[in-house]
Amino acid sequence: MANIVANTVYFEKPGRENTEETLRLAKARAESLGIQNIAVASSTGNTGLFASELFKGYNLVIVTSVTGHTEPNVQRFLPENRAKLMENGAKVITAGHAFGGLGRAVNRRFNAIQVDEIIAHVLRLFGQGTKVACEVCCMATDAGYFRTDEDAIGIGGSGGGADTALVIRPSNTHTFFNMRIREIICKPRL
């Protein structure tokens, strides 16, 4: 088998200003590798909407933050965005975060870091978007939208928008260590 040569784009700064370029780069890599499974993190649905226009015809999964993530009983994902995403053929997941559910509760109550938070902190060594891209792929797999024997592209960001895209061989959350980050398409240069 021949070596694969692929470009990686490193953004000077993290953030939402990289969203359009991140999604464009992810789509180009998906096309070149024949990848159909795309997972995108989207807190309000705005990034998801942009992705749903770009990735029409793909198995696009938009992963929202949980209700109560920023304040009790508040869902930041806008209902009109959910409706439009579904119209565009995207699937939407709102579920407990793979790397921060009960472990985060234990940390907040007892000031003890749990395994899921350790994993999240290690992935953040590569940037917040790397952690998020891995997490949304686990969540899409847990929901039954991705298979563990097909590559996917995970897209995440650093507090808004998207700035990281990875080619991932996904896994379920409970078999996390089977996941493989196969390629870095783009990420912030930290």
N, C-alpha and C. Protein backbone atom coordinates (compact mmCIF):
# COMPACT_ATOMS: atom_id res chain seq x y z
N MET A 1 0.84 -1.18 0.00
CA MET A 1 0.00 0.00 0.00
C MET A 1 0.89 1.25 0.00
N ALA A 2 0.56 2.20 -0.82
CA ALA A 2 1.33 3.43 -0.93
C ALA A 2 1.00 4.37 0.23
N ASN A 3 1.95 5.22 0.53
CA ASN A 3 1.71 6.25 1.55
C ASN A 3 0.67 7.23 1.04
N ILE A 4 -0.04 7.81 1.97
CA ILE A 4 -1.05 8.82 1.63
C ILE A 4 -0.48 10.18 1.99
N VAL A 5 -0.54 11.09 1.07
CA VAL A 5 -0.11 12.46 1.32
C VAL A 5 -1.36 13.32 1.32
N ALA A 6 -1.58 14.02 2.42
CA ALA A 6 -2.75 14.89 2.54
C ALA A 6 -2.34 16.17 3.24
N ASN A 7 -2.95 17.26 2.86
CA ASN A 7 -2.67 18.55 3.49
C ASN A 7 -3.43 18.69 4.79
N THR A 8 -2.81 19.33 5.75
CA THR A 8 -3.47 19.72 6.99
C THR A 8 -3.39 21.23 7.07
N VAL A 9 -4.51 21.87 7.38
CA VAL A 9 -4.54 23.33 7.53
C VAL A 9 -4.53 23.64 9.02
N TYR A 10 -3.64 24.55 9.41
CA TYR A 10 -3.56 25.00 10.80
C TYR A 10 -3.98 26.46 10.85
N PHE A 11 -5.07 26.73 11.56
CA PHE A 11 -5.55 28.11 11.70
C PHE A 11 -4.71 28.83 12.75
N GLU A 12 -4.46 30.10 12.51
CA GLU A 12 -3.66 30.89 13.43
C GLU A 12 -4.33 31.01 14.80
N LYS A 13 -5.66 31.11 14.81
CA LYS A 13 -6.40 31.25 16.07
C LYS A 13 -7.61 30.33 16.02
N PRO A 14 -8.06 29.85 17.19
CA PRO A 14 -9.31 29.08 17.22
C PRO A 14 -10.50 30.02 17.09
N GLY A 15 -11.64 29.46 16.74
CA GLY A 15 -12.86 30.27 16.77
C GLY A 15 -13.75 30.16 15.56
N ARG A 16 -14.90 30.80 15.70
CA ARG A 16 -15.96 30.72 14.71
C ARG A 16 -15.58 31.30 13.36
N GLU A 17 -14.58 32.18 13.31
CA GLU A 17 -14.18 32.76 12.01
C GLU A 17 -13.62 31.70 11.07
N ASN A 18 -13.33 30.51 11.59
CA ASN A 18 -12.81 29.42 10.77
C ASN A 18 -13.90 28.46 10.27
N THR A 19 -15.15 28.73 10.62
CA THR A 19 -16.24 27.78 10.35
C THR A 19 -16.37 27.44 8.87
N GLU A 20 -16.49 28.44 8.04
CA GLU A 20 -16.72 28.19 6.61
C GLU A 20 -15.57 27.39 6.00
N GLU A 21 -14.34 27.78 6.32
CA GLU A 21 -13.17 27.09 5.77
C GLU A 21 -13.08 25.66 6.31
N THR A 22 -13.39 25.46 7.59
CA THR A 22 -13.36 24.12 8.18
C THR A 22 -14.35 23.20 7.46
N LEU A 23 -15.56 23.67 7.25
CA LEU A 23 -16.57 22.85 6.58
C LEU A 23 -16.21 22.60 5.12
N ARG A 24 -15.65 23.58 4.47
CA ARG A 24 -15.23 23.42 3.07
C ARG A 24 -14.11 22.38 2.96
N LEU A 25 -13.13 22.47 3.86
CA LEU A 25 -12.02 21.50 3.86
C LEU A 25 -12.52 20.09 4.18
N ALA A 26 -13.45 20.00 5.12
CA ALA A 26 -14.01 18.69 5.49
C ALA A 26 -14.75 18.08 4.32
N LYS A 27 -15.50 18.88 3.60
CA LYS A 27 -16.24 18.34 2.46
C LYS A 27 -15.28 17.88 1.36
N ALA A 28 -14.25 18.65 1.10
CA ALA A 28 -13.28 18.25 0.08
C ALA A 28 -12.62 16.93 0.45
N ARG A 29 -12.28 16.74 1.73
CA ARG A 29 -11.64 15.49 2.14
C ARG A 29 -12.64 14.34 2.11
N ALA A 30 -13.88 14.60 2.50
CA ALA A 30 -14.92 13.57 2.43
C ALA A 30 -15.09 13.08 0.99
N GLU A 31 -15.11 14.02 0.06
CA GLU A 31 -15.24 13.66 -1.36
C GLU A 31 -14.05 12.83 -1.82
N SER A 32 -12.85 13.24 -1.45
CA SER A 32 -11.66 12.53 -1.94
C SER A 32 -11.54 11.13 -1.34
N LEU A 33 -12.05 10.92 -0.12
CA LEU A 33 -11.97 9.61 0.53
C LEU A 33 -13.25 8.79 0.40
N GLY A 34 -14.29 9.39 -0.15
CA GLY A 34 -15.57 8.69 -0.27
C GLY A 34 -16.28 8.49 1.06
N ILE A 35 -16.06 9.40 1.98
CA ILE A 35 -16.70 9.31 3.31
C ILE A 35 -18.08 9.95 3.25
N GLN A 36 -19.07 9.24 3.77
CA GLN A 36 -20.45 9.73 3.78
C GLN A 36 -20.92 10.19 5.16
N ASN A 37 -20.25 9.73 6.22
CA ASN A 37 -20.68 10.01 7.59
C ASN A 37 -20.00 11.26 8.14
N ILE A 38 -20.80 12.26 8.46
CA ILE A 38 -20.29 13.54 8.94
C ILE A 38 -21.01 13.89 10.24
N ALA A 39 -20.25 14.18 11.31
CA ALA A 39 -20.83 14.62 12.58
C ALA A 39 -20.34 16.03 12.87
N VAL A 40 -21.28 16.92 13.18
CA VAL A 40 -20.96 18.32 13.42
C VAL A 40 -21.57 18.75 14.75
N ALA A 41 -20.74 19.34 15.60
CA ALA A 41 -21.22 19.92 16.85
C ALA A 41 -21.86 21.27 16.53
N SER A 42 -23.01 21.54 17.16
CA SER A 42 -23.68 22.82 16.92
C SER A 42 -24.53 23.16 18.14
N SER A 43 -24.16 24.22 18.85
CA SER A 43 -24.87 24.59 20.08
C SER A 43 -26.21 25.26 19.82
N THR A 44 -26.25 26.14 18.82
CA THR A 44 -27.49 26.87 18.52
C THR A 44 -28.15 26.38 17.23
N GLY A 45 -27.39 25.67 16.42
CA GLY A 45 -27.89 25.20 15.13
C GLY A 45 -27.36 25.99 13.96
N ASN A 46 -26.69 27.10 14.21
CA ASN A 46 -26.20 27.92 13.10
C ASN A 46 -25.12 27.20 12.30
N THR A 47 -24.14 26.60 12.98
CA THR A 47 -23.11 25.85 12.28
C THR A 47 -23.74 24.65 11.57
N GLY A 48 -24.69 24.01 12.25
CA GLY A 48 -25.39 22.88 11.67
C GLY A 48 -26.12 23.25 10.39
N LEU A 49 -26.75 24.42 10.37
CA LEU A 49 -27.46 24.86 9.16
C LEU A 49 -26.50 25.03 7.99
N PHE A 50 -25.39 25.66 8.25
CA PHE A 50 -24.40 25.84 7.19
C PHE A 50 -23.94 24.47 6.68
N ALA A 51 -23.67 23.56 7.60
CA ALA A 51 -23.23 22.21 7.22
C ALA A 51 -24.31 21.49 6.43
N SER A 52 -25.58 21.68 6.79
CA SER A 52 -26.66 20.96 6.12
C SER A 52 -26.84 21.41 4.67
N GLU A 53 -26.46 22.62 4.39
CA GLU A 53 -26.49 23.09 2.99
C GLU A 53 -25.32 22.50 2.21
N LEU A 54 -24.17 22.44 2.85
CA LEU A 54 -22.95 21.98 2.19
C LEU A 54 -22.93 20.46 2.02
N PHE A 55 -23.44 19.73 3.01
CA PHE A 55 -23.37 18.26 3.01
C PHE A 55 -24.70 17.60 2.64
N LYS A 56 -25.46 18.22 1.76
CA LYS A 56 -26.70 17.58 1.29
C LYS A 56 -26.37 16.25 0.63
N GLY A 57 -27.15 15.23 0.96
CA GLY A 57 -26.91 13.91 0.40
C GLY A 57 -25.97 13.05 1.22
N TYR A 58 -25.35 13.61 2.24
CA TYR A 58 -24.47 12.86 3.14
C TYR A 58 -25.27 12.36 4.34
N ASN A 59 -24.71 11.45 5.08
CA ASN A 59 -25.27 11.02 6.36
C ASN A 59 -24.78 12.03 7.40
N LEU A 60 -25.47 13.16 7.48
CA LEU A 60 -25.06 14.27 8.33
C LEU A 60 -25.78 14.19 9.67
N VAL A 61 -25.00 14.20 10.74
CA VAL A 61 -25.54 14.17 12.10
C VAL A 61 -25.09 15.43 12.82
N ILE A 62 -26.05 16.20 13.29
CA ILE A 62 -25.76 17.42 14.05
C ILE A 62 -25.97 17.08 15.53
N VAL A 63 -24.95 17.35 16.34
CA VAL A 63 -25.00 17.04 17.77
C VAL A 63 -25.09 18.34 18.55
N THR A 64 -26.17 18.48 19.32
CA THR A 64 -26.39 19.69 20.10
C THR A 64 -25.85 19.53 21.51
N SER A 65 -25.77 20.63 22.22
CA SER A 65 -25.48 20.57 23.65
C SER A 65 -26.73 20.11 24.37
N VAL A 66 -26.54 19.56 25.55
CA VAL A 66 -27.69 19.10 26.33
C VAL A 66 -28.48 20.30 26.85
N THR A 67 -29.75 20.08 27.09
CA THR A 67 -30.57 21.09 27.75
C THR A 67 -29.99 21.29 29.15
N GLY A 68 -29.81 22.54 29.54
CA GLY A 68 -29.24 22.84 30.84
C GLY A 68 -27.73 22.96 30.84
N HIS A 69 -27.11 22.88 29.67
CA HIS A 69 -25.64 22.94 29.59
C HIS A 69 -25.11 24.27 30.14
N THR A 70 -25.76 25.37 29.78
CA THR A 70 -25.29 26.68 30.23
C THR A 70 -26.08 27.22 31.42
N GLU A 71 -27.37 26.87 31.48
CA GLU A 71 -28.19 27.22 32.64
C GLU A 71 -29.38 26.27 32.70
N PRO A 72 -29.88 26.01 33.91
CA PRO A 72 -30.94 25.01 34.07
C PRO A 72 -32.13 25.24 33.14
N ASN A 73 -32.59 24.15 32.53
CA ASN A 73 -33.80 24.12 31.72
C ASN A 73 -33.74 24.92 30.43
N VAL A 74 -32.57 25.35 30.02
CA VAL A 74 -32.44 26.15 28.80
C VAL A 74 -31.76 25.30 27.72
N GLN A 75 -32.41 25.24 26.55
CA GLN A 75 -31.87 24.59 25.37
C GLN A 75 -31.50 25.69 24.39
N ARG A 76 -30.21 25.82 24.10
CA ARG A 76 -29.73 26.89 23.22
C ARG A 76 -30.01 26.61 21.75
N PHE A 77 -30.22 25.34 21.39
CA PHE A 77 -30.46 24.98 20.00
C PHE A 77 -31.83 25.51 19.58
N LEU A 78 -31.86 26.34 18.59
CA LEU A 78 -33.08 27.03 18.20
C LEU A 78 -34.04 26.08 17.47
N PRO A 79 -35.31 26.04 17.89
CA PRO A 79 -36.28 25.13 17.27
C PRO A 79 -36.40 25.31 15.76
N GLU A 80 -36.31 26.54 15.29
CA GLU A 80 -36.41 26.78 13.85
C GLU A 80 -35.21 26.19 13.11
N ASN A 81 -34.05 26.17 13.76
CA ASN A 81 -32.87 25.54 13.15
C ASN A 81 -33.05 24.02 13.07
N ARG A 82 -33.60 23.43 14.12
CA ARG A 82 -33.84 21.98 14.13
C ARG A 82 -34.78 21.61 12.97
N ALA A 83 -35.84 22.37 12.80
CA ALA A 83 -36.81 22.08 11.73
C ALA A 83 -36.15 22.18 10.36
N LYS A 84 -35.36 23.22 10.15
CA LYS A 84 -34.70 23.43 8.85
C LYS A 84 -33.66 22.33 8.59
N LEU A 85 -32.92 21.93 9.64
CA LEU A 85 -31.93 20.87 9.50
C LEU A 85 -32.59 19.57 9.06
N MET A 86 -33.68 19.24 9.68
CA MET A 86 -34.39 18.01 9.36
C MET A 86 -34.96 18.09 7.94
N GLU A 87 -35.43 19.27 7.57
CA GLU A 87 -35.89 19.50 6.19
C GLU A 87 -34.77 19.22 5.19
N ASN A 88 -33.54 19.59 5.58
CA ASN A 88 -32.37 19.41 4.71
C ASN A 88 -31.82 17.97 4.78
N GLY A 89 -32.47 17.11 5.56
CA GLY A 89 -32.06 15.71 5.61
C GLY A 89 -31.08 15.35 6.71
N ALA A 90 -30.73 16.30 7.57
CA ALA A 90 -29.80 16.02 8.66
C ALA A 90 -30.53 15.35 9.82
N LYS A 91 -29.78 14.59 10.59
CA LYS A 91 -30.30 14.01 11.83
C LYS A 91 -29.77 14.88 12.97
N VAL A 92 -30.56 15.03 14.02
CA VAL A 92 -30.16 15.88 15.15
C VAL A 92 -30.19 15.04 16.42
N ILE A 93 -29.08 15.10 17.17
CA ILE A 93 -28.97 14.39 18.44
C ILE A 93 -28.82 15.41 19.57
N THR A 94 -29.66 15.29 20.57
CA THR A 94 -29.49 16.01 21.82
C THR A 94 -29.44 14.95 22.90
N ALA A 95 -28.26 14.74 23.46
CA ALA A 95 -28.08 13.67 24.46
C ALA A 95 -26.95 14.06 25.39
N GLY A 96 -26.79 13.30 26.46
CA GLY A 96 -25.69 13.53 27.38
C GLY A 96 -24.36 13.46 26.65
N HIS A 97 -23.46 14.36 26.97
CA HIS A 97 -22.18 14.41 26.30
C HIS A 97 -21.35 13.18 26.67
N ALA A 98 -20.73 12.60 25.67
CA ALA A 98 -19.96 11.37 25.88
C ALA A 98 -18.82 11.55 26.87
N PHE A 99 -18.21 12.72 26.90
CA PHE A 99 -17.05 12.94 27.77
C PHE A 99 -17.36 13.91 28.91
N GLY A 100 -18.58 13.92 29.41
CA GLY A 100 -18.84 14.87 30.49
C GLY A 100 -20.23 14.80 31.07
N GLY A 101 -20.69 13.63 31.41
CA GLY A 101 -22.01 13.49 32.02
C GLY A 101 -21.89 13.37 33.51
N LEU A 102 -22.01 12.15 34.00
CA LEU A 102 -21.95 11.91 35.44
C LEU A 102 -20.60 12.29 36.03
N GLY A 103 -19.53 12.10 35.26
CA GLY A 103 -18.21 12.49 35.73
C GLY A 103 -18.13 13.96 36.07
N ARG A 104 -18.78 14.79 35.28
CA ARG A 104 -18.80 16.24 35.55
C ARG A 104 -19.59 16.53 36.82
N ALA A 105 -20.67 15.79 37.02
CA ALA A 105 -21.47 15.98 38.24
C ALA A 105 -20.65 15.61 39.48
N VAL A 106 -19.91 14.51 39.41
CA VAL A 106 -19.06 14.10 40.53
C VAL A 106 -17.99 15.16 40.79
N ASN A 107 -17.40 15.68 39.73
CA ASN A 107 -16.38 16.71 39.87
C ASN A 107 -16.95 17.95 40.56
N ARG A 108 -18.11 18.39 40.13
CA ARG A 108 -18.72 19.60 40.70
C ARG A 108 -19.12 19.40 42.16
N ARG A 109 -19.56 18.20 42.51
CA ARG A 109 -20.01 17.95 43.88
C ARG A 109 -18.85 17.65 44.82
N PHE A 110 -17.92 16.80 44.36
CA PHE A 110 -16.88 16.29 45.26
C PHE A 110 -15.46 16.74 44.90
N ASN A 111 -15.36 17.57 43.86
CA ASN A 111 -14.07 18.07 43.40
C ASN A 111 -13.11 16.92 43.08
N ALA A 112 -13.64 15.88 42.47
CA ALA A 112 -12.84 14.72 42.08
C ALA A 112 -12.98 14.50 40.58
N ILE A 113 -11.87 14.50 39.88
CA ILE A 113 -11.90 14.31 38.43
C ILE A 113 -12.12 12.84 38.12
N GLN A 114 -13.02 12.58 37.18
CA GLN A 114 -13.36 11.23 36.76
C GLN A 114 -12.69 10.90 35.43
N VAL A 115 -12.75 9.66 35.04
CA VAL A 115 -12.08 9.19 33.83
C VAL A 115 -12.53 9.95 32.59
N ASP A 116 -13.84 10.20 32.44
CA ASP A 116 -14.30 10.89 31.23
C ASP A 116 -13.70 12.29 31.12
N GLU A 117 -13.52 12.96 32.25
CA GLU A 117 -12.92 14.30 32.21
C GLU A 117 -11.43 14.23 31.94
N ILE A 118 -10.77 13.19 32.40
CA ILE A 118 -9.35 13.02 32.09
C ILE A 118 -9.18 12.83 30.58
N ILE A 119 -10.01 11.99 29.99
CA ILE A 119 -9.95 11.78 28.53
C ILE A 119 -10.20 13.10 27.81
N ALA A 120 -11.20 13.86 28.24
CA ALA A 120 -11.50 15.14 27.61
C ALA A 120 -10.31 16.09 27.71
N HIS A 121 -9.66 16.14 28.87
CA HIS A 121 -8.51 17.04 29.04
C HIS A 121 -7.32 16.60 28.17
N VAL A 122 -7.11 15.30 28.03
CA VAL A 122 -6.03 14.82 27.17
C VAL A 122 -6.31 15.20 25.72
N LEU A 123 -7.53 15.00 25.25
CA LEU A 123 -7.86 15.37 23.87
C LEU A 123 -7.72 16.88 23.65
N ARG A 124 -8.01 17.66 24.68
CA ARG A 124 -7.86 19.12 24.56
C ARG A 124 -6.41 19.55 24.38
N LEU A 125 -5.45 18.67 24.65
CA LEU A 125 -4.06 18.99 24.36
C LEU A 125 -3.89 19.31 22.89
N PHE A 126 -4.75 18.74 22.05
CA PHE A 126 -4.74 19.00 20.62
C PHE A 126 -5.69 20.13 20.25
N GLY A 127 -6.44 20.63 21.22
CA GLY A 127 -7.40 21.71 21.01
C GLY A 127 -8.80 21.28 21.40
N GLN A 128 -9.61 22.23 21.81
CA GLN A 128 -10.99 21.97 22.20
C GLN A 128 -11.77 21.28 21.08
N GLY A 129 -11.55 21.72 19.85
CA GLY A 129 -12.27 21.14 18.72
C GLY A 129 -11.96 19.67 18.50
N THR A 130 -10.74 19.24 18.83
CA THR A 130 -10.38 17.83 18.71
C THR A 130 -11.21 16.99 19.67
N LYS A 131 -11.32 17.46 20.90
CA LYS A 131 -12.15 16.76 21.89
C LYS A 131 -13.59 16.67 21.40
N VAL A 132 -14.11 17.77 20.91
CA VAL A 132 -15.50 17.82 20.46
C VAL A 132 -15.72 16.93 19.23
N ALA A 133 -14.80 16.94 18.28
CA ALA A 133 -14.94 16.12 17.07
C ALA A 133 -14.99 14.63 17.44
N CYS A 134 -14.15 14.21 18.37
CA CYS A 134 -14.18 12.81 18.82
C CYS A 134 -15.49 12.50 19.55
N GLU A 135 -15.91 13.42 20.39
CA GLU A 135 -17.12 13.23 21.18
C GLU A 135 -18.37 13.10 20.31
N VAL A 136 -18.51 13.97 19.30
CA VAL A 136 -19.71 13.90 18.46
C VAL A 136 -19.73 12.63 17.62
N CYS A 137 -18.55 12.12 17.26
CA CYS A 137 -18.52 10.84 16.53
C CYS A 137 -18.96 9.69 17.43
N CYS A 138 -18.52 9.69 18.70
CA CYS A 138 -19.01 8.68 19.65
C CYS A 138 -20.52 8.77 19.80
N MET A 139 -21.03 9.97 19.95
CA MET A 139 -22.46 10.16 20.16
C MET A 139 -23.27 9.73 18.94
N ALA A 140 -22.77 10.02 17.75
CA ALA A 140 -23.46 9.59 16.52
C ALA A 140 -23.45 8.07 16.40
N THR A 141 -22.37 7.45 16.83
CA THR A 141 -22.27 5.99 16.81
C THR A 141 -23.20 5.39 17.86
N ASP A 142 -23.21 5.97 19.06
CA ASP A 142 -24.10 5.50 20.12
C ASP A 142 -25.57 5.58 19.69
N ALA A 143 -25.91 6.59 18.90
CA ALA A 143 -27.29 6.78 18.44
C ALA A 143 -27.64 5.86 17.26
N GLY A 144 -26.65 5.14 16.74
CA GLY A 144 -26.90 4.21 15.65
C GLY A 144 -26.79 4.83 14.26
N TYR A 145 -26.29 6.06 14.17
CA TYR A 145 -26.18 6.73 12.87
C TYR A 145 -24.87 6.43 12.16
N PHE A 146 -23.82 6.05 12.90
CA PHE A 146 -22.53 5.69 12.32
C PHE A 146 -22.22 4.24 12.66
N ARG A 147 -21.48 3.60 11.77
CA ARG A 147 -20.97 2.25 12.01
C ARG A 147 -19.51 2.36 12.46
N THR A 148 -19.07 1.36 13.19
CA THR A 148 -17.70 1.36 13.68
C THR A 148 -16.69 0.85 12.65
N ASP A 149 -17.18 0.39 11.52
CA ASP A 149 -16.28 -0.12 10.47
C ASP A 149 -16.26 0.78 9.24
N GLU A 150 -16.73 2.02 9.39
CA GLU A 150 -16.71 3.01 8.30
C GLU A 150 -16.16 4.32 8.85
N ASP A 151 -15.28 4.94 8.09
CA ASP A 151 -14.73 6.23 8.53
C ASP A 151 -15.81 7.30 8.54
N ALA A 152 -15.57 8.29 9.38
CA ALA A 152 -16.45 9.44 9.50
C ALA A 152 -15.58 10.69 9.59
N ILE A 153 -16.20 11.82 9.42
CA ILE A 153 -15.51 13.08 9.69
C ILE A 153 -16.22 13.73 10.86
N GLY A 154 -15.44 14.05 11.90
CA GLY A 154 -15.95 14.76 13.07
C GLY A 154 -15.52 16.21 12.99
N ILE A 155 -16.48 17.11 13.25
CA ILE A 155 -16.22 18.54 13.16
C ILE A 155 -16.64 19.19 14.47
N GLY A 156 -15.70 19.91 15.08
CA GLY A 156 -15.97 20.58 16.35
C GLY A 156 -15.36 21.96 16.35
N GLY A 157 -15.58 22.65 17.46
CA GLY A 157 -15.07 24.01 17.57
C GLY A 157 -14.59 24.34 18.96
N SER A 158 -14.27 25.60 19.12
CA SER A 158 -13.69 26.10 20.37
C SER A 158 -14.58 27.20 20.93
N GLY A 159 -15.79 26.84 21.33
CA GLY A 159 -16.68 27.82 21.95
C GLY A 159 -17.62 28.52 21.00
N GLY A 160 -17.74 28.09 19.78
CA GLY A 160 -18.65 28.67 18.80
C GLY A 160 -18.12 28.44 17.40
N GLY A 161 -18.98 28.03 16.52
CA GLY A 161 -18.54 27.74 15.16
C GLY A 161 -17.72 26.47 15.11
N ALA A 162 -16.98 26.30 14.03
CA ALA A 162 -16.15 25.11 13.84
C ALA A 162 -14.74 25.53 13.45
N ASP A 163 -13.75 24.83 14.01
CA ASP A 163 -12.36 25.12 13.65
C ASP A 163 -11.50 23.85 13.58
N THR A 164 -12.14 22.69 13.72
CA THR A 164 -11.41 21.43 13.70
C THR A 164 -12.20 20.39 12.92
N ALA A 165 -11.52 19.67 12.04
CA ALA A 165 -12.14 18.56 11.32
C ALA A 165 -11.14 17.40 11.29
N LEU A 166 -11.62 16.22 11.64
CA LEU A 166 -10.79 15.02 11.72
C LEU A 166 -11.44 13.89 10.95
N VAL A 167 -10.62 13.07 10.31
CA VAL A 167 -11.10 11.79 9.78
C VAL A 167 -10.94 10.80 10.93
N ILE A 168 -12.05 10.15 11.28
CA ILE A 168 -12.09 9.29 12.46
C ILE A 168 -12.69 7.94 12.10
N ARG A 169 -12.12 6.89 12.64
CA ARG A 169 -12.79 5.58 12.64
C ARG A 169 -13.53 5.57 13.98
N PRO A 170 -14.85 5.74 13.96
CA PRO A 170 -15.59 5.96 15.21
C PRO A 170 -15.77 4.68 16.04
N SER A 171 -16.13 4.91 17.27
CA SER A 171 -16.46 3.82 18.19
C SER A 171 -17.65 4.26 19.03
N ASN A 172 -18.26 3.31 19.68
CA ASN A 172 -19.24 3.65 20.70
C ASN A 172 -18.48 4.24 21.89
N THR A 173 -19.19 4.98 22.72
CA THR A 173 -18.55 5.56 23.90
C THR A 173 -17.99 4.47 24.80
N HIS A 174 -18.71 3.38 24.97
CA HIS A 174 -18.25 2.33 25.89
C HIS A 174 -17.07 1.53 25.33
N THR A 175 -16.73 1.73 24.05
CA THR A 175 -15.53 1.11 23.48
C THR A 175 -14.61 2.20 22.92
N PHE A 176 -14.56 3.32 23.63
CA PHE A 176 -13.85 4.51 23.17
C PHE A 176 -12.43 4.23 22.68
N PHE A 177 -11.71 3.34 23.32
CA PHE A 177 -10.32 3.12 22.96
C PHE A 177 -10.15 2.37 21.64
N ASN A 178 -11.25 2.00 21.01
CA ASN A 178 -11.21 1.47 19.65
C ASN A 178 -11.24 2.58 18.61
N MET A 179 -11.57 3.80 19.02
CA MET A 179 -11.61 4.93 18.08
C MET A 179 -10.20 5.21 17.56
N ARG A 180 -10.13 5.64 16.33
CA ARG A 180 -8.85 6.03 15.73
C ARG A 180 -9.01 7.38 15.05
N ILE A 181 -8.13 8.31 15.39
CA ILE A 181 -8.05 9.57 14.65
C ILE A 181 -7.11 9.29 13.48
N ARG A 182 -7.69 9.18 12.31
CA ARG A 182 -6.93 8.74 11.14
C ARG A 182 -6.23 9.90 10.42
N GLU A 183 -6.86 11.06 10.43
CA GLU A 183 -6.27 12.23 9.77
C GLU A 183 -6.75 13.50 10.46
N ILE A 184 -5.88 14.49 10.46
CA ILE A 184 -6.27 15.84 10.88
C ILE A 184 -6.44 16.65 9.60
N ILE A 185 -7.66 17.08 9.35
CA ILE A 185 -7.93 17.90 8.16
C ILE A 185 -7.55 19.35 8.45
N CYS A 186 -8.00 19.84 9.60
CA CYS A 186 -7.65 21.19 10.02
C CYS A 186 -7.88 21.33 11.52
N LYS A 187 -7.17 22.26 12.12
CA LYS A 187 -7.31 22.58 13.53
C LYS A 187 -6.57 23.87 13.81
N PRO A 188 -6.88 24.51 14.92
CA PRO A 188 -6.10 25.70 15.30
C PRO A 188 -4.67 25.31 15.68
N ARG A 189 -3.77 26.17 15.36
CA ARG A 189 -2.37 26.00 15.78
C ARG A 189 -2.26 26.65 17.14
N LEU A 190 -2.15 25.84 18.15
CA LEU A 190 -2.16 26.36 19.53
C LEU A 190 -0.78 26.65 20.04
